[in-house]
Protein backbone atom coordinates (compact mmCIF):
# COMPACT_ATOMS: atom_id res chain seq x y z
CA UNK A 1 -1.57 46.02 10.33
CA UNK A 2 -1.03 43.16 12.78
CA UNK A 3 -4.11 41.39 11.54
CA UNK A 4 -2.93 41.70 7.91
CA UNK A 5 0.46 40.21 8.85
CA UNK A 6 -1.25 37.33 10.63
CA UNK A 7 -3.54 36.73 7.64
CA UNK A 8 -0.66 36.60 5.15
CA UNK A 9 1.30 34.31 7.46
CA UNK A 10 -1.65 31.95 7.63
CA UNK A 11 -2.07 32.00 3.85
CA UNK A 12 1.64 31.32 3.37
CA UNK A 13 1.68 28.39 5.80
CA UNK A 14 -1.46 26.95 4.21
CA UNK A 15 0.08 27.24 0.74
CA UNK A 16 3.25 25.48 1.90
CA UNK A 17 1.22 22.69 3.49
CA UNK A 18 -0.84 22.23 0.31
CA UNK A 19 2.35 22.14 -1.76
CA UNK A 20 3.90 19.60 0.62
CA UNK A 21 0.87 17.32 0.34
CA UNK A 22 0.25 17.65 -3.40
CA UNK A 23 3.83 17.64 -4.70
CA UNK A 24 4.25 13.83 -4.47
CA UNK A 25 0.99 13.35 -6.40
CA UNK A 26 2.03 15.85 -9.06
CA UNK A 27 5.45 14.22 -9.48
CA UNK A 28 3.80 10.81 -9.75
CA UNK A 29 1.54 12.13 -12.52
CA UNK A 30 4.55 13.55 -14.35
CA UNK A 31 6.33 10.20 -14.02
CA UNK A 32 3.31 8.41 -15.48
CA UNK A 33 3.34 10.68 -18.52
CA UNK A 34 7.12 10.76 -19.05
CA UNK A 35 8.84 8.74 -21.74
CA UNK A 36 11.67 8.15 -19.29
CA UNK A 37 11.34 9.69 -15.83
CA UNK A 38 15.03 9.23 -15.06
CA UNK A 39 15.87 11.59 -17.94
CA UNK A 40 13.24 14.12 -16.89
CA UNK A 41 10.82 16.07 -19.06
CA UNK A 42 13.51 16.50 -21.70
CA UNK A 43 12.72 12.95 -22.84
CA UNK A 44 9.18 14.02 -23.72
CA UNK A 45 5.67 13.06 -22.65
CA UNK A 46 3.60 10.07 -23.70
CA UNK A 47 0.34 8.26 -22.99
CA UNK A 48 1.93 4.87 -23.70
CA UNK A 49 2.14 3.91 -20.05
CA UNK A 50 -1.47 4.87 -19.41
CA UNK A 51 -2.56 2.69 -22.33
CA UNK A 52 -0.50 -0.22 -20.99
CA UNK A 53 -2.03 0.18 -17.54
CA UNK A 54 -5.51 0.12 -19.06
CA UNK A 55 -4.69 -3.00 -21.07
CA UNK A 56 -3.22 -4.78 -18.05
CA UNK A 57 -5.51 -3.60 -15.25
CA UNK A 58 -8.82 -2.48 -16.76
CA UNK A 59 -10.57 -5.28 -14.87
CA UNK A 60 -9.31 -4.02 -11.50
CA UNK A 61 -10.51 -0.52 -12.30
CA UNK A 62 -14.00 -1.73 -13.21
CA UNK A 63 -14.09 -4.01 -10.16
CA UNK A 64 -13.15 -1.13 -7.87
CA UNK A 65 -16.04 0.91 -9.24
CA UNK A 66 -18.43 -2.01 -8.74
CA UNK A 67 -17.22 -2.60 -5.18
CA UNK A 68 -17.46 1.11 -4.34
CA UNK A 69 -20.98 1.33 -5.78
CA UNK A 70 -22.12 -1.80 -3.93
CA UNK A 71 -20.53 -0.54 -0.72
CA UNK A 72 -22.25 2.82 -1.05
CA UNK A 73 -25.67 1.26 -1.68
CA UNK A 74 -25.36 -1.11 1.27
CA UNK A 75 -24.10 1.56 3.67
CA UNK A 76 -26.95 3.85 2.62
CA UNK A 77 -29.54 1.12 3.12
CA UNK A 78 -28.10 0.17 6.52
CA UNK A 79 -26.52 3.35 7.80
CA UNK A 80 -29.20 5.98 7.16
CA UNK A 81 -32.16 4.15 8.75
CA UNK A 82 -29.80 2.80 11.42
CA UNK A 83 -28.63 6.29 12.38
CA UNK A 84 -32.22 7.49 12.60
CA UNK A 85 -33.19 4.50 14.73
CA UNK A 86 -30.27 5.07 17.11
CA UNK A 87 -31.11 8.76 17.49
CA UNK A 88 -34.77 7.94 18.16
CA UNK A 89 -33.91 5.19 20.63
CA UNK A 90 -31.23 7.11 22.52
CA UNK A 91 -29.89 5.96 25.88
CA UNK A 92 -27.25 3.40 26.76
CA UNK A 93 -28.45 0.74 24.34
CA UNK A 94 -28.09 3.10 21.38
CA UNK A 95 -24.61 4.14 22.51
CA UNK A 96 -23.60 0.51 22.92
CA UNK A 97 -24.82 -0.37 19.42
CA UNK A 98 -22.98 2.63 18.02
CA UNK A 99 -19.75 1.55 19.70
CA UNK A 100 -20.12 -2.00 18.36
CA UNK A 101 -20.72 -0.74 14.83
CA UNK A 102 -17.72 1.60 15.11
CA UNK A 103 -15.44 -1.19 16.36
CA UNK A 104 -14.19 -2.24 12.86
CA UNK A 105 -12.57 1.17 12.46
CA UNK A 106 -10.37 0.49 15.49
CA UNK A 107 -9.40 -2.99 14.30
CA UNK A 108 -6.52 -3.23 11.79
CA UNK A 109 -7.76 -4.03 8.30
CA UNK A 110 -5.70 -7.21 8.15
CA UNK A 111 -7.25 -8.50 11.38
CA UNK A 112 -10.77 -7.64 10.20
CA UNK A 113 -10.14 -9.41 6.90
CA UNK A 114 -8.74 -12.44 8.69
CA UNK A 115 -11.88 -12.64 10.82
CA UNK A 116 -14.08 -12.55 7.72
CA UNK A 117 -12.00 -15.24 6.04
CA UNK A 118 -12.16 -17.49 9.12
CA UNK A 119 -15.92 -16.99 9.39
CA UNK A 120 -16.95 -17.19 5.74
CA UNK A 121 -13.96 -18.80 4.06
CA UNK A 122 -15.78 -22.13 3.87
CA UNK A 123 -18.37 -20.67 1.52
CA UNK A 124 -16.30 -21.15 -1.62
CA UNK A 125 -18.42 -19.21 -4.11
CA UNK A 126 -18.95 -16.31 -1.73
CA UNK A 127 -15.29 -16.28 -0.66
CA UNK A 128 -14.12 -15.96 -4.26
CA UNK A 129 -16.67 -13.34 -5.30
CA UNK A 130 -16.49 -9.57 -5.53
CA UNK A 131 -19.36 -9.43 -3.04
CA UNK A 132 -17.00 -10.77 -0.37
CA UNK A 133 -14.76 -7.73 -0.87
CA UNK A 134 -17.80 -5.44 -0.77
CA UNK A 135 -18.93 -6.92 2.56
CA UNK A 136 -15.53 -6.17 4.05
CA UNK A 137 -15.71 -2.60 2.76
CA UNK A 138 -19.19 -2.18 4.24
CA UNK A 139 -17.96 -3.24 7.67
CA UNK A 140 -15.11 -0.74 7.42
CA UNK A 141 -17.06 2.23 6.01
CA UNK A 142 -20.45 1.86 7.72
CA UNK A 143 -19.36 3.76 10.86
CA UNK A 144 -18.48 6.79 8.74
CA UNK A 145 -21.92 6.88 7.14
CA UNK A 146 -23.56 6.31 10.51
CA UNK A 147 -21.68 9.10 12.23
CA UNK A 148 -22.18 11.58 9.37
CA UNK A 149 -25.94 11.09 9.41
CA UNK A 150 -26.19 11.10 13.20
CA UNK A 151 -24.21 14.32 13.38
CA UNK A 152 -26.76 16.08 11.16
CA UNK A 153 -29.72 14.53 13.00
CA UNK A 154 -28.34 15.94 16.24
CA UNK A 155 -28.35 19.47 14.77
CA UNK A 156 -31.97 19.48 13.56
CA UNK A 157 -35.16 19.30 15.58
CA UNK A 158 -36.16 15.98 14.04
CA UNK A 159 -38.66 15.25 16.80
CA UNK A 160 -40.73 18.34 15.97
CA UNK A 161 -40.58 17.51 12.26
CA UNK A 162 -41.67 13.94 12.92
CA UNK A 163 -44.48 14.91 15.25
CA UNK A 164 -45.69 17.58 12.82
CA UNK A 165 -45.88 15.08 9.97
CA UNK A 166 -47.56 12.54 12.25
CA UNK A 167 -50.23 15.09 13.22
CA UNK A 168 -51.07 15.39 9.53
CA UNK A 169 -51.67 11.65 9.33
CA UNK A 170 -48.42 10.59 7.64
CA UNK A 171 -47.38 7.01 8.43
CA UNK A 172 -43.91 6.32 9.83
CA UNK A 173 -42.30 5.42 6.50
CA UNK A 174 -43.67 8.56 4.81
CA UNK A 175 -42.40 10.72 7.65
CA UNK A 176 -38.95 9.20 7.26
CA UNK A 177 -38.84 9.44 3.45
CA UNK A 178 -40.60 12.79 2.90
CA UNK A 179 -39.58 14.72 6.02
CA UNK A 180 -36.46 13.32 7.67
CA UNK A 181 -34.41 12.37 4.60
CA UNK A 182 -34.57 15.82 2.91
CA UNK A 183 -33.40 17.43 6.14
CA UNK A 184 -30.38 15.14 6.58
CA UNK A 185 -29.24 15.33 2.97
CA UNK A 186 -26.00 17.02 3.99
CA UNK A 187 -25.05 14.14 6.26
CA UNK A 188 -25.96 11.54 3.64
CA UNK A 189 -23.84 13.28 1.02
CA UNK A 190 -20.91 13.70 3.41
CA UNK A 191 -21.14 10.05 4.38
CA UNK A 192 -21.39 8.99 0.74
CA UNK A 193 -18.31 11.02 -0.15
CA UNK A 194 -16.35 9.36 2.65
CA UNK A 195 -17.59 5.86 1.83
CA UNK A 196 -16.72 6.08 -1.87
CA UNK A 197 -13.28 7.53 -1.15
CA UNK A 198 -12.43 4.92 1.46
CA UNK A 199 -13.77 2.02 -0.59
CA UNK A 200 -11.87 2.90 -3.75
CA UNK A 201 -8.63 3.48 -1.85
CA UNK A 202 -8.87 0.65 0.72
CA UNK A 203 -5.80 -1.60 0.51
CA UNK A 204 -5.04 -3.47 3.76
CA UNK A 205 -8.39 -5.21 4.12
CA UNK A 206 -8.73 -5.79 0.37
CA UNK A 207 -5.21 -7.19 -0.01
CA UNK A 208 -5.96 -9.83 2.63
CA UNK A 209 -9.39 -10.73 1.22
CA UNK A 210 -8.74 -10.68 -2.52
CA UNK A 211 -8.12 -13.63 -4.81
CA UNK A 212 -6.37 -13.49 -8.22
CA UNK A 213 -9.83 -13.00 -9.75
CA UNK A 214 -11.01 -10.25 -7.38
CA UNK A 215 -8.18 -7.73 -7.40
CA UNK A 216 -9.20 -4.11 -6.94
CA UNK A 217 -7.37 -1.00 -8.07
CA UNK A 218 -5.22 -0.43 -4.93
CA UNK A 219 -4.06 -4.07 -4.97
CA UNK A 220 -3.19 -3.78 -8.64
CA UNK A 221 -1.39 -0.53 -7.90
CA UNK A 222 0.75 -2.26 -5.27
CA UNK A 223 1.56 -5.05 -7.73
CA UNK A 224 2.50 -2.49 -10.36
CA UNK A 225 4.88 -0.68 -8.03
CA UNK A 226 6.44 -3.97 -6.89
CA UNK A 227 6.97 -5.61 -10.26
CA UNK A 228 7.07 -2.98 -13.00
CA UNK A 229 8.99 0.12 -13.99
CA UNK A 230 8.26 3.42 -12.29
CA UNK A 231 6.49 4.95 -15.28
CA UNK A 232 3.83 2.21 -15.46
CA UNK A 233 3.24 2.27 -11.72
CA UNK A 234 2.90 6.07 -11.81
CA UNK A 235 0.53 5.83 -14.77
CA UNK A 236 -1.57 3.55 -12.58
CA UNK A 237 -1.71 6.35 -10.00
CA UNK A 238 -2.85 8.73 -12.73
CA UNK A 239 -5.61 6.33 -13.77
CA UNK A 240 -6.60 6.05 -10.10
CA UNK A 241 -6.95 9.83 -9.83
CA UNK A 242 -8.89 10.10 -13.08
CA UNK A 243 -11.26 7.46 -11.79
CA UNK A 244 -11.84 8.78 -8.27
CA UNK A 245 -11.83 12.57 -8.73
CA UNK A 246 -14.93 12.93 -10.99
CA UNK A 247 -17.27 11.04 -8.62
CA UNK A 248 -16.03 13.07 -5.67
CA UNK A 249 -16.47 16.35 -7.54
CA UNK A 250 -19.92 15.20 -8.62
CA UNK A 251 -20.98 14.47 -5.05
CA UNK A 252 -19.67 17.86 -3.93
CA UNK A 253 -21.57 19.61 -6.75
CA UNK A 254 -24.76 17.85 -5.67
CA UNK A 255 -24.18 19.03 -2.11
CA UNK A 256 -23.26 22.57 -3.21
CA UNK A 257 -26.75 23.97 -3.95
CA UNK A 258 -28.00 22.69 -0.61
CA UNK A 259 -25.17 24.45 1.25
CA UNK A 260 -25.92 27.69 -0.57
CA UNK A 261 -29.59 27.53 0.37
CA UNK A 262 -28.68 26.92 4.00
CA UNK A 263 -26.08 29.67 4.04
CA UNK A 264 -26.58 33.22 5.30
């Protein structure tokens, strides 16, 4: 009886917490679909504001997807082999490199962006390109990919797997691609999920680095809230959710079968 009471209490507290966290998002969605939010739902629902947001900010939405995709590709190319190399190397040097790579997470986004502008601001074409934004996102998100992959590597006996493949004559690159990568898929997917989410939603660093021609979705969202009526700004939030939720669900679905196979 005591256990049942504790269980229902936990469920109730969890439900209240979920409601507390999701209610602002739900109300923002309602505002974006309302003819006039001040009058409430009695004024009716419309997609007019969503259409206006698409007309005004379609370029920022596409650019955010491009930046997130570029960031993901670069963090995969750098972070996955880098994590494996650090685990193989071990010792103080590996820990020092890991701390250096993780440093951008501890630095405020504005300060990190300022450092990039001071360093590379003289390269006009690069400074004004979308790639400049992507580089900033890579610096910010790389530690998350690195840690996700390293965490999985620390839970598997990668040394035995590597030595077994080596005994069969597989070269180093084949051992990494055919043996190590399949066994750290969970970490790669978790890191990818984090990288995409952070890149699409990153504001502080992007706001400092962007130019009028390289606005991303969060920067456009801030402009919409600052300069337009509530309904349009809320419709922008709705577009943001529609854009980010499907990729995240897709990544989770890809990871799902693997979790089931590893489960009891």
